[in-house]
Amino acid sequence: MKVGLIGDSLTEGRPGVSFYNLLKLQYPQISFHNLGNPGETIKSLFTRLEKAPLQSSYDLLIIWIGVNDVYSKLLKVQAQPVAKNHIEFEEYCLKVLEKAHAASKNVVLVSPALVGEDLQNHTNTEIKELTSIMESIALKSGNVYFVNMQNLFKEHLEHLECSGFINTNVMRVLLDVLFYKNPLRIDKLSQKRGLHVTLDGVHLNSKGADIVAQQYSSIIELYGDEEDKIGGS
């Protein structure tokens, strides 16, 4: 079985704890292809797939995208172009799914999780709006399985006292990549910042990586059970 994981730095696994590594340990018999690209937005993902189409036929493609369409607006430096509005976001999301279906009949679309662990902040409100767009696309398509990742994280955070910390310093993010590679050190820094599931409000600590790995695992098990296709939402 060959599974492609498409996304941004959360999929690549840096900074923070890698859910991809957890999946490789859990499923040594599966060939996972990590197609995560730091700073990826919905527009830059389409451009990447346009310039370098997926070469192989995958049994399953999981696309986790959208967080940088919100998070990068908080940064002084935007590495990739961002959709100018929700209409353009929807247009590019449809284009990305078209590219994905050319490489696999089984495609999963995952909504962004968090920009900051304060669920009431304005960035998470926008994440919720993008989630609604992505869910609507999946429902209309009939051949895309949708995962609301924000809701999964909300279940773990809604009864906790959450810090408003969000790392918007690009240099600090790079330093976290360079100097915080060990999960124990990552979790210690996360705790120091008052965070529960992320290192910096966006990227994952051990708990966050576990949440994502468990969800991806359930998708993989679902695919294995059905043996043909995942089907609708």
Protein backbone atom coordinates (compact mmCIF):
# COMPACT_ATOMS: atom_id res chain seq x y z
CA MET A 1 0.00 0.00 0.00
CA LYS A 2 1.34 3.42 -0.96
CA VAL A 3 0.12 6.52 0.88
CA GLY A 4 0.98 10.09 -0.07
CA LEU A 5 0.85 12.78 2.60
CA ILE A 6 0.51 16.21 1.02
CA GLY A 7 0.76 19.44 2.98
CA ASP A 8 2.96 22.06 4.59
CA SER A 9 5.49 22.06 7.45
CA LEU A 10 3.00 20.22 9.69
CA THR A 11 3.20 17.29 7.29
CA GLU A 12 6.93 17.66 6.74
CA GLY A 13 7.35 17.50 10.52
CA ARG A 14 9.49 20.57 11.23
CA PRO A 15 9.39 22.45 13.53
CA GLY A 16 7.77 20.35 16.22
CA VAL A 17 7.02 16.65 16.55
CA SER A 18 6.38 14.66 13.37
CA PHE A 19 3.14 12.68 13.10
CA TYR A 20 4.62 11.20 9.91
CA ASN A 21 7.32 9.46 11.95
CA LEU A 22 4.66 8.04 14.26
CA LEU A 23 2.77 6.60 11.29
CA LYS A 24 5.91 5.00 9.88
CA LEU A 25 6.48 3.25 13.20
CA GLN A 26 2.86 2.10 13.41
CA TYR A 27 2.69 0.87 9.81
CA PRO A 28 6.12 -0.43 8.74
CA GLN A 29 4.45 -2.37 5.91
CA ILE A 30 3.06 0.79 4.28
CA SER A 31 5.08 2.96 1.92
CA PHE A 32 4.52 6.54 3.07
CA HIS A 33 5.61 9.43 0.86
CA ASN A 34 6.04 12.69 2.78
CA LEU A 35 5.08 15.46 0.37
CA GLY A 36 5.04 18.24 2.95
CA ASN A 37 6.51 21.61 1.95
CA PRO A 38 7.20 24.38 4.51
CA GLY A 39 5.06 27.50 4.14
CA GLU A 40 2.72 25.85 1.64
CA THR A 41 -0.59 27.59 0.94
CA ILE A 42 -3.47 26.41 -1.21
CA LYS A 43 -2.20 28.49 -4.14
CA SER A 44 1.42 27.38 -3.84
CA LEU A 45 0.33 23.75 -3.51
CA PHE A 46 -1.55 23.97 -6.80
CA THR A 47 1.50 25.58 -8.44
CA ARG A 48 3.73 22.79 -7.09
CA LEU A 49 1.43 20.07 -8.42
CA GLU A 50 1.13 21.91 -11.74
CA LYS A 51 4.91 22.17 -12.19
CA ALA A 52 5.72 18.75 -10.76
CA PRO A 53 2.69 16.46 -11.14
CA LEU A 54 2.42 13.48 -8.83
CA GLN A 55 4.29 10.80 -10.75
CA SER A 56 3.04 7.70 -9.03
CA SER A 57 -0.33 6.12 -8.55
CA TYR A 58 -1.16 6.22 -4.84
CA ASP A 59 -3.57 3.94 -3.04
CA LEU A 60 -4.43 6.89 -0.81
CA LEU A 61 -3.67 10.62 -0.79
CA ILE A 62 -4.24 12.73 2.32
CA ILE A 63 -4.13 16.50 1.82
CA TRP A 64 -3.73 18.69 4.91
CA ILE A 65 -3.58 22.31 3.81
CA GLY A 66 -4.83 25.79 4.69
CA VAL A 67 -3.14 26.83 7.92
CA ASN A 68 -0.62 29.08 6.14
CA ASP A 69 -3.45 30.85 4.35
CA VAL A 70 -4.21 32.26 7.80
CA TYR A 71 -0.94 32.03 9.74
CA SER A 72 1.29 33.69 7.13
CA LYS A 73 -0.81 36.86 7.34
CA LEU A 74 0.58 37.31 10.87
CA LEU A 75 4.19 37.08 9.66
CA LYS A 76 6.29 39.94 8.31
CA VAL A 77 7.56 37.65 5.56
CA GLN A 78 5.17 35.58 3.43
CA ALA A 79 7.02 32.72 1.79
CA GLN A 80 4.14 31.77 -0.51
CA PRO A 81 1.16 33.55 -2.11
CA VAL A 82 -2.08 33.51 -0.14
CA ALA A 83 -5.60 33.33 -1.56
CA LYS A 84 -6.93 36.88 -1.69
CA ASN A 85 -10.40 35.84 -0.49
CA HIS A 86 -12.52 32.79 0.27
CA ILE A 87 -13.76 32.51 -3.31
CA GLU A 88 -10.20 32.18 -4.59
CA PHE A 89 -9.38 29.72 -1.81
CA GLU A 90 -12.28 27.53 -2.93
CA GLU A 91 -11.22 27.75 -6.59
CA TYR A 92 -7.68 26.62 -5.81
CA CYS A 93 -8.86 23.90 -3.48
CA LEU A 94 -10.92 22.43 -6.30
CA LYS A 95 -7.90 22.62 -8.62
CA VAL A 96 -5.73 20.84 -6.06
CA LEU A 97 -8.29 18.05 -5.68
CA GLU A 98 -8.39 17.63 -9.44
CA LYS A 99 -4.62 17.15 -9.45
CA ALA A 100 -4.85 14.71 -6.57
CA HIS A 101 -7.51 12.58 -8.25
CA ALA A 102 -5.21 12.18 -11.23
CA ALA A 103 -2.85 10.25 -8.94
CA SER A 104 -5.31 8.41 -6.68
CA LYS A 105 -8.98 7.49 -6.63
CA ASN A 106 -8.90 7.78 -2.84
CA VAL A 107 -8.42 11.37 -1.69
CA VAL A 108 -8.85 12.77 1.82
CA LEU A 109 -9.11 16.51 2.45
CA VAL A 110 -8.13 17.69 5.93
CA SER A 111 -8.97 21.14 7.24
CA PRO A 112 -6.39 23.27 9.09
CA ALA A 113 -6.35 22.84 12.86
CA LEU A 114 -5.19 25.90 14.75
CA VAL A 115 -3.49 29.25 14.64
CA GLY A 116 -3.10 29.73 18.35
CA GLU A 117 -4.68 27.53 21.01
CA ASP A 118 -7.18 30.22 22.00
CA LEU A 119 -10.17 28.87 20.09
CA GLN A 120 -11.94 32.25 20.23
CA ASN A 121 -9.22 34.31 18.55
CA HIS A 122 -9.79 35.87 15.12
CA THR A 123 -7.37 33.53 13.35
CA ASN A 124 -9.25 30.44 14.50
CA THR A 125 -12.47 32.09 13.38
CA GLU A 126 -10.97 32.29 9.90
CA ILE A 127 -9.78 28.67 10.18
CA LYS A 128 -13.41 27.75 10.91
CA GLU A 129 -14.53 29.60 7.78
CA LEU A 130 -11.98 27.79 5.60
CA THR A 131 -13.07 24.51 7.19
CA SER A 132 -16.66 25.16 6.13
CA ILE A 133 -15.53 25.82 2.55
CA MET A 134 -13.49 22.63 2.43
CA GLU A 135 -16.28 20.54 3.93
CA SER A 136 -18.73 21.94 1.37
CA ILE A 137 -16.35 21.06 -1.47
CA ALA A 138 -15.99 17.50 -0.18
CA LEU A 139 -19.76 17.06 0.22
CA LYS A 140 -20.45 18.33 -3.30
CA SER A 141 -17.72 16.20 -4.87
CA GLY A 142 -19.02 12.91 -3.51
CA ASN A 143 -15.59 11.31 -3.92
CA VAL A 144 -13.54 13.15 -1.28
CA TYR A 145 -13.43 12.12 2.37
CA PHE A 146 -13.32 15.14 4.68
CA VAL A 147 -11.73 15.49 8.12
CA ASN A 148 -12.42 18.47 10.38
CA MET A 149 -9.08 18.71 12.17
CA GLN A 150 -10.06 21.88 14.04
CA ASN A 151 -12.87 20.02 15.79
CA LEU A 152 -10.50 17.25 16.85
CA PHE A 153 -8.17 19.75 18.47
CA LYS A 154 -11.10 21.64 19.96
CA GLU A 155 -12.15 18.48 21.82
CA HIS A 156 -8.78 18.46 23.57
CA LEU A 157 -8.66 22.19 24.31
CA GLU A 158 -12.16 23.41 25.07
CA HIS A 159 -12.02 22.59 28.80
CA LEU A 160 -8.43 23.71 29.32
CA GLU A 161 -6.98 27.10 30.15
CA CYS A 162 -5.29 28.04 26.90
CA SER A 163 -2.45 30.44 26.27
CA GLY A 164 -2.79 33.10 23.59
CA PHE A 165 0.81 32.48 22.49
CA ILE A 166 1.43 32.46 18.72
CA ASN A 167 4.97 32.64 17.41
CA THR A 168 4.93 35.27 14.66
CA ASN A 169 8.69 35.81 14.58
CA VAL A 170 10.08 34.03 11.52
CA MET A 171 13.59 33.89 12.99
CA ARG A 172 12.24 32.30 16.17
CA VAL A 173 10.45 29.68 14.06
CA LEU A 174 13.74 28.89 12.29
CA LEU A 175 15.52 28.62 15.63
CA ASP A 176 12.86 26.17 16.82
CA VAL A 177 13.57 24.09 13.70
CA LEU A 178 17.31 24.09 14.36
CA PHE A 179 17.46 23.65 18.13
CA TYR A 180 14.28 21.79 19.10
CA LYS A 181 14.33 18.39 17.41
CA ASN A 182 13.94 16.12 20.42
CA PRO A 183 10.29 15.58 21.42
CA LEU A 184 11.13 15.99 25.11
CA ARG A 185 12.74 19.38 24.49
CA ILE A 186 9.85 20.39 22.23
CA ASP A 187 7.29 19.47 24.88
CA LYS A 188 9.24 21.32 27.57
CA LEU A 189 9.27 24.51 25.47
CA SER A 190 5.61 24.04 24.66
CA GLN A 191 4.80 23.80 28.37
CA LYS A 192 6.88 26.89 29.09
CA ARG A 193 4.77 28.80 26.57
CA GLY A 194 1.58 27.59 28.22
CA LEU A 195 0.58 25.41 25.26
CA HIS A 196 -1.07 21.98 25.25
CA VAL A 197 -0.99 20.56 21.71
CA THR A 198 1.44 22.79 19.82
CA LEU A 199 4.99 24.06 20.07
CA ASP A 200 4.19 27.60 19.02
CA GLY A 201 0.45 27.88 18.40
CA VAL A 202 0.68 26.14 15.02
CA HIS A 203 3.26 23.35 14.85
CA LEU A 204 2.75 20.17 16.83
CA ASN A 205 4.13 18.97 20.14
CA SER A 206 3.91 15.29 21.13
CA LYS A 207 0.24 15.48 22.09
CA GLY A 208 -0.68 17.28 18.87
CA ALA A 209 1.28 14.78 16.77
CA ASP A 210 -0.55 11.93 18.54
CA ILE A 211 -3.93 13.48 17.73
CA VAL A 212 -3.08 13.78 14.05
CA ALA A 213 -1.46 10.32 13.83
CA GLN A 214 -4.51 8.71 15.42
CA GLN A 215 -6.83 10.42 12.95
CA TYR A 216 -4.67 9.45 9.98
CA SER A 217 -4.52 5.92 11.35
CA SER A 218 -8.33 5.72 11.42
CA ILE A 219 -8.39 6.84 7.77
CA ILE A 220 -5.86 4.19 6.80
CA GLU A 221 -7.82 1.52 8.69
CA LEU A 222 -11.03 2.65 7.00
CA TYR A 223 -9.39 2.33 3.61
CA GLY A 224 -8.07 -1.10 4.50
CA ASP A 225 -11.52 -2.26 5.62
CA GLU A 226 -13.29 -1.08 2.50
CA GLU A 227 -10.52 -2.33 0.18
CA ASP A 228 -11.91 -0.37 -2.70
CA LYS A 229 -12.53 3.29 -2.03
CA ILE A 230 -13.12 5.59 0.85
CA GLY A 231 -16.24 7.14 -0.62
CA GLY A 232 -17.97 10.33 0.49
CA SER A 233 -17.77 12.41 3.62
